[in-house]
């Protein structure tokens, strides 16, 4: 399976980079995983609704340009469906079973995702009703994808 995580902005925090690198290394036995960073749009602290939509649209164009046309797209969004680790594992297993070898997870910027990205998505996933920094979500997502592969293989880890 080929998994891409398309995300807005550069990751600067060394401790997050190290964690992500560790899980990517562990996951190499199960799948190929790529982290694709698209530039974020600089924005002042206070924005009108129109300006927020314009920023999300610009970031959305960058995101969409990096998603393979045949990828199954899962966006991370607060309003998405919450799943257990086992349910995420089942989702990935079903995708592999039915020939969807390319999966793209999308993590938006601080303002969220554009309507165009939401429309391109095949499903919307929420890790919590709480808001997390999008940089931290990369680490959480990579760990959960790794956990899903371990669950699907019946390997110990997921308690």
C-alpha atoms as a PDB file:
ATOM      1  CA  UNK A   1       0.000   0.000   0.000  1.00  0.00           C
ATOM      2  CA  UNK A   2       1.173   3.530  -0.799  1.00  0.00           C
ATOM      3  CA  UNK A   3       0.181   6.093   1.786  1.00  0.00           C
ATOM      4  CA  UNK A   4       0.722   9.793   1.421  1.00  0.00           C
ATOM      5  CA  UNK A   5       0.086  12.396   4.058  1.00  0.00           C
ATOM      6  CA  UNK A   6      -0.480  15.739   2.383  1.00  0.00           C
ATOM      7  CA  UNK A   7      -0.123  18.508   4.908  1.00  0.00           C
ATOM      8  CA  UNK A   8       0.010  22.281   4.964  1.00  0.00           C
ATOM      9  CA  UNK A   9       3.137  23.964   6.304  1.00  0.00           C
ATOM     10  CA  UNK A  10       6.643  22.941   7.262  1.00  0.00           C
ATOM     11  CA  UNK A  11       7.318  20.932  10.378  1.00  0.00           C
ATOM     12  CA  UNK A  12       9.871  22.778  12.498  1.00  0.00           C
ATOM     13  CA  UNK A  13       9.774  21.023  15.872  1.00  0.00           C
ATOM     14  CA  UNK A  14      12.637  18.547  16.104  1.00  0.00           C
ATOM     15  CA  UNK A  15      10.869  16.270  18.598  1.00  0.00           C
ATOM     16  CA  UNK A  16       7.874  15.870  16.262  1.00  0.00           C
ATOM     17  CA  UNK A  17      10.158  15.176  13.291  1.00  0.00           C
ATOM     18  CA  UNK A  18      11.966  12.474  15.286  1.00  0.00           C
ATOM     19  CA  UNK A  19       8.714  10.801  16.289  1.00  0.00           C
ATOM     20  CA  UNK A  20       7.382  10.819  12.746  1.00  0.00           C
ATOM     21  CA  UNK A  21      10.663   9.469  11.355  1.00  0.00           C
ATOM     22  CA  UNK A  22      10.565   6.625  13.893  1.00  0.00           C
ATOM     23  CA  UNK A  23       7.061   5.541  12.870  1.00  0.00           C
ATOM     24  CA  UNK A  24       7.854   5.845   9.170  1.00  0.00           C
ATOM     25  CA  UNK A  25      10.880   3.609   9.724  1.00  0.00           C
ATOM     26  CA  UNK A  26       8.748   1.054  11.596  1.00  0.00           C
ATOM     27  CA  UNK A  27       6.099   1.174   8.904  1.00  0.00           C
ATOM     28  CA  UNK A  28       8.493   0.404   6.063  1.00  0.00           C
ATOM     29  CA  UNK A  29       7.767  -3.307   6.592  1.00  0.00           C
ATOM     30  CA  UNK A  30       4.082  -2.725   5.832  1.00  0.00           C
ATOM     31  CA  UNK A  31       3.691   0.165   3.415  1.00  0.00           C
ATOM     32  CA  UNK A  32       5.408   2.984   1.595  1.00  0.00           C
ATOM     33  CA  UNK A  33       4.608   6.287   3.271  1.00  0.00           C
ATOM     34  CA  UNK A  34       5.366   9.784   2.014  1.00  0.00           C
ATOM     35  CA  UNK A  35       4.848  13.055   3.815  1.00  0.00           C
ATOM     36  CA  UNK A  36       4.113  15.826   1.331  1.00  0.00           C
ATOM     37  CA  UNK A  37       4.316  19.360   2.659  1.00  0.00           C
ATOM     38  CA  UNK A  38       2.644  22.164   0.751  1.00  0.00           C
ATOM     39  CA  UNK A  39       3.388  25.788   1.661  1.00  0.00           C
ATOM     40  CA  UNK A  40       0.965  27.502   3.975  1.00  0.00           C
ATOM     41  CA  UNK A  41      -0.472  30.882   3.108  1.00  0.00           C
ATOM     42  CA  UNK A  42       0.671  33.681   5.384  1.00  0.00           C
ATOM     43  CA  UNK A  43      -2.241  35.340   7.140  1.00  0.00           C
ATOM     44  CA  UNK A  44      -2.709  38.156   9.624  1.00  0.00           C
ATOM     45  CA  UNK A  45      -4.277  37.426  13.025  1.00  0.00           C
ATOM     46  CA  UNK A  46      -7.639  38.935  12.130  1.00  0.00           C
ATOM     47  CA  UNK A  47      -9.288  37.895   8.892  1.00  0.00           C
ATOM     48  CA  UNK A  48     -12.683  38.390   7.345  1.00  0.00           C
ATOM     49  CA  UNK A  49     -14.646  35.301   6.331  1.00  0.00           C
ATOM     50  CA  UNK A  50     -13.851  36.072   2.696  1.00  0.00           C
ATOM     51  CA  UNK A  51     -10.121  36.318   3.397  1.00  0.00           C
ATOM     52  CA  UNK A  52     -10.228  32.994   5.299  1.00  0.00           C
ATOM     53  CA  UNK A  53     -11.915  31.295   2.355  1.00  0.00           C
ATOM     54  CA  UNK A  54      -9.350  32.766  -0.060  1.00  0.00           C
ATOM     55  CA  UNK A  55      -6.484  31.416   2.054  1.00  0.00           C
ATOM     56  CA  UNK A  56      -8.093  27.974   2.340  1.00  0.00           C
ATOM     57  CA  UNK A  57      -8.694  27.983  -1.433  1.00  0.00           C
ATOM     58  CA  UNK A  58      -5.025  28.760  -2.182  1.00  0.00           C
ATOM     59  CA  UNK A  59      -3.835  26.048   0.218  1.00  0.00           C
ATOM     60  CA  UNK A  60      -6.490  23.717  -1.208  1.00  0.00           C
ATOM     61  CA  UNK A  61      -5.179  24.148  -4.756  1.00  0.00           C
ATOM     62  CA  UNK A  62      -1.711  23.168  -3.532  1.00  0.00           C
ATOM     63  CA  UNK A  63      -3.107  20.145  -1.699  1.00  0.00           C
ATOM     64  CA  UNK A  64      -5.142  18.932  -4.663  1.00  0.00           C
ATOM     65  CA  UNK A  65      -2.154  19.261  -7.000  1.00  0.00           C
ATOM     66  CA  UNK A  66      -0.293  16.711  -4.852  1.00  0.00           C
ATOM     67  CA  UNK A  67      -3.030  14.059  -4.637  1.00  0.00           C
ATOM     68  CA  UNK A  68      -2.946  11.217  -7.135  1.00  0.00           C
ATOM     69  CA  UNK A  69      -6.172  11.032  -9.208  1.00  0.00           C
ATOM     70  CA  UNK A  70      -6.657   7.369  -8.238  1.00  0.00           C
ATOM     71  CA  UNK A  71      -6.035   7.868  -4.506  1.00  0.00           C
ATOM     72  CA  UNK A  72      -8.635   7.232  -1.846  1.00  0.00           C
ATOM     73  CA  UNK A  73      -8.650  10.540   0.045  1.00  0.00           C
ATOM     74  CA  UNK A  74      -9.242  10.753   3.787  1.00  0.00           C
ATOM     75  CA  UNK A  75      -9.331  14.284   5.175  1.00  0.00           C
ATOM     76  CA  UNK A  76      -8.780  15.022   8.844  1.00  0.00           C
ATOM     77  CA  UNK A  77     -11.499  17.344  10.062  1.00  0.00           C
ATOM     78  CA  UNK A  78     -13.124  18.006  13.433  1.00  0.00           C
ATOM     79  CA  UNK A  79     -16.563  17.356  11.916  1.00  0.00           C
ATOM     80  CA  UNK A  80     -15.427  14.007  10.459  1.00  0.00           C
ATOM     81  CA  UNK A  81     -16.354  10.533  11.675  1.00  0.00           C
ATOM     82  CA  UNK A  82     -14.566   9.366  14.790  1.00  0.00           C
ATOM     83  CA  UNK A  83     -13.191   5.820  14.601  1.00  0.00           C
ATOM     84  CA  UNK A  84     -11.476   3.474  16.973  1.00  0.00           C
ATOM     85  CA  UNK A  85      -8.005   2.230  16.078  1.00  0.00           C
ATOM     86  CA  UNK A  86      -9.595  -1.090  15.102  1.00  0.00           C
ATOM     87  CA  UNK A  87     -12.053   0.676  12.789  1.00  0.00           C
ATOM     88  CA  UNK A  88      -9.243   2.589  11.094  1.00  0.00           C
ATOM     89  CA  UNK A  89      -7.387  -0.703  10.670  1.00  0.00           C
ATOM     90  CA  UNK A  90     -10.517  -2.220   9.110  1.00  0.00           C
ATOM     91  CA  UNK A  91     -10.851   0.757   6.731  1.00  0.00           C
ATOM     92  CA  UNK A  92      -7.257   0.362   5.509  1.00  0.00           C
ATOM     93  CA  UNK A  93      -7.674  -3.408   5.212  1.00  0.00           C
ATOM     94  CA  UNK A  94     -10.829  -3.028   3.103  1.00  0.00           C
ATOM     95  CA  UNK A  95      -9.161  -0.466   0.850  1.00  0.00           C
ATOM     96  CA  UNK A  96      -6.259  -2.854   0.228  1.00  0.00           C
ATOM     97  CA  UNK A  97      -8.637  -5.767  -0.340  1.00  0.00           C
ATOM     98  CA  UNK A  98     -10.661  -3.861  -2.926  1.00  0.00           C
ATOM     99  CA  UNK A  99      -7.667  -2.628  -4.903  1.00  0.00           C
ATOM    100  CA  UNK A 100      -7.220   0.866  -3.491  1.00  0.00           C
ATOM    101  CA  UNK A 101      -3.459   0.751  -3.093  1.00  0.00           C
ATOM    102  CA  UNK A 102      -3.081   4.539  -2.877  1.00  0.00           C
ATOM    103  CA  UNK A 103      -4.423   6.319   0.179  1.00  0.00           C
ATOM    104  CA  UNK A 104      -3.937  10.031   0.789  1.00  0.00           C
ATOM    105  CA  UNK A 105      -4.557  11.502   4.217  1.00  0.00           C
ATOM    106  CA  UNK A 106      -4.941  15.283   4.203  1.00  0.00           C
ATOM    107  CA  UNK A 107      -4.165  17.595   7.114  1.00  0.00           C
ATOM    108  CA  UNK A 108      -5.153  21.192   6.488  1.00  0.00           C
ATOM    109  CA  UNK A 109      -3.595  24.361   7.782  1.00  0.00           C
ATOM    110  CA  UNK A 110      -4.630  26.374  10.805  1.00  0.00           C
ATOM    111  CA  UNK A 111      -7.818  27.574   9.086  1.00  0.00           C
ATOM    112  CA  UNK A 112      -8.920  24.136   7.932  1.00  0.00           C
ATOM    113  CA  UNK A 113      -9.602  22.777   4.465  1.00  0.00           C
ATOM    114  CA  UNK A 114     -11.156  24.337   1.385  1.00  0.00           C
ATOM    115  CA  UNK A 115     -14.504  23.248  -0.007  1.00  0.00           C
ATOM    116  CA  UNK A 116     -12.707  21.822  -3.061  1.00  0.00           C
ATOM    117  CA  UNK A 117     -10.553  19.539  -0.894  1.00  0.00           C
ATOM    118  CA  UNK A 118     -13.589  18.437   1.116  1.00  0.00           C
ATOM    119  CA  UNK A 119     -15.423  17.625  -2.128  1.00  0.00           C
ATOM    120  CA  UNK A 120     -12.446  15.590  -3.412  1.00  0.00           C
ATOM    121  CA  UNK A 121     -12.355  13.524  -0.229  1.00  0.00           C
ATOM    122  CA  UNK A 122     -13.792  10.033  -0.038  1.00  0.00           C
ATOM    123  CA  UNK A 123     -14.178  10.241   3.718  1.00  0.00           C
ATOM    124  CA  UNK A 124     -13.636  12.602   6.602  1.00  0.00           C
ATOM    125  CA  UNK A 125     -11.938  11.422   9.791  1.00  0.00           C
ATOM    126  CA  UNK A 126     -11.877  13.103  13.183  1.00  0.00           C
ATOM    127  CA  UNK A 127      -9.468  12.146  15.939  1.00  0.00           C
ATOM    128  CA  UNK A 128     -11.344  14.187  18.525  1.00  0.00           C
ATOM    129  CA  UNK A 129     -13.776  17.034  18.977  1.00  0.00           C
ATOM    130  CA  UNK A 130     -10.814  18.930  20.390  1.00  0.00           C
ATOM    131  CA  UNK A 131      -8.542  21.053  18.222  1.00  0.00           C
ATOM    132  CA  UNK A 132      -4.922  19.942  17.884  1.00  0.00           C
ATOM    133  CA  UNK A 133      -2.011  21.735  16.218  1.00  0.00           C
ATOM    134  CA  UNK A 134      -1.799  20.416  12.668  1.00  0.00           C
ATOM    135  CA  UNK A 135       1.909  19.676  13.185  1.00  0.00           C
ATOM    136  CA  UNK A 136       1.100  17.380  16.120  1.00  0.00           C
ATOM    137  CA  UNK A 137      -1.610  15.658  14.070  1.00  0.00           C
ATOM    138  CA  UNK A 138       1.060  14.376  11.690  1.00  0.00           C
ATOM    139  CA  UNK A 139       2.665  12.404  14.496  1.00  0.00           C
ATOM    140  CA  UNK A 140      -0.661  11.147  15.838  1.00  0.00           C
ATOM    141  CA  UNK A 141      -1.786  10.105  12.349  1.00  0.00           C
ATOM    142  CA  UNK A 142       1.437   8.268  11.502  1.00  0.00           C
ATOM    143  CA  UNK A 143       1.282   6.410  14.826  1.00  0.00           C
ATOM    144  CA  UNK A 144      -2.346   5.395  14.214  1.00  0.00           C
ATOM    145  CA  UNK A 145      -1.607   4.178  10.685  1.00  0.00           C
ATOM    146  CA  UNK A 146       1.301   2.128  12.054  1.00  0.00           C
ATOM    147  CA  UNK A 147      -0.999   0.760  14.776  1.00  0.00           C
ATOM    148  CA  UNK A 148      -3.584  -0.150  12.108  1.00  0.00           C
ATOM    149  CA  UNK A 149      -1.061  -2.252  10.194  1.00  0.00           C
ATOM    150  CA  UNK A 150      -0.034  -4.030  13.409  1.00  0.00           C
ATOM    151  CA  UNK A 151      -3.699  -4.739  14.224  1.00  0.00           C
ATOM    152  CA  UNK A 152      -4.355  -6.082  10.717  1.00  0.00           C
ATOM    153  CA  UNK A 153      -1.379  -8.414  10.955  1.00  0.00           C
ATOM    154  CA  UNK A 154      -2.369  -9.636  14.414  1.00  0.00           C
ATOM    155  CA  UNK A 155       0.911  -8.371  15.832  1.00  0.00           C
ATOM    156  CA  UNK A 156       1.229  -7.162  19.411  1.00  0.00           C
ATOM    157  CA  UNK A 157       1.309  -3.427  20.057  1.00  0.00           C
ATOM    158  CA  UNK A 158      -2.122  -2.006  20.150  1.00  0.00           C
ATOM    159  CA  UNK A 159      -3.193  -2.107  23.807  1.00  0.00           C
END
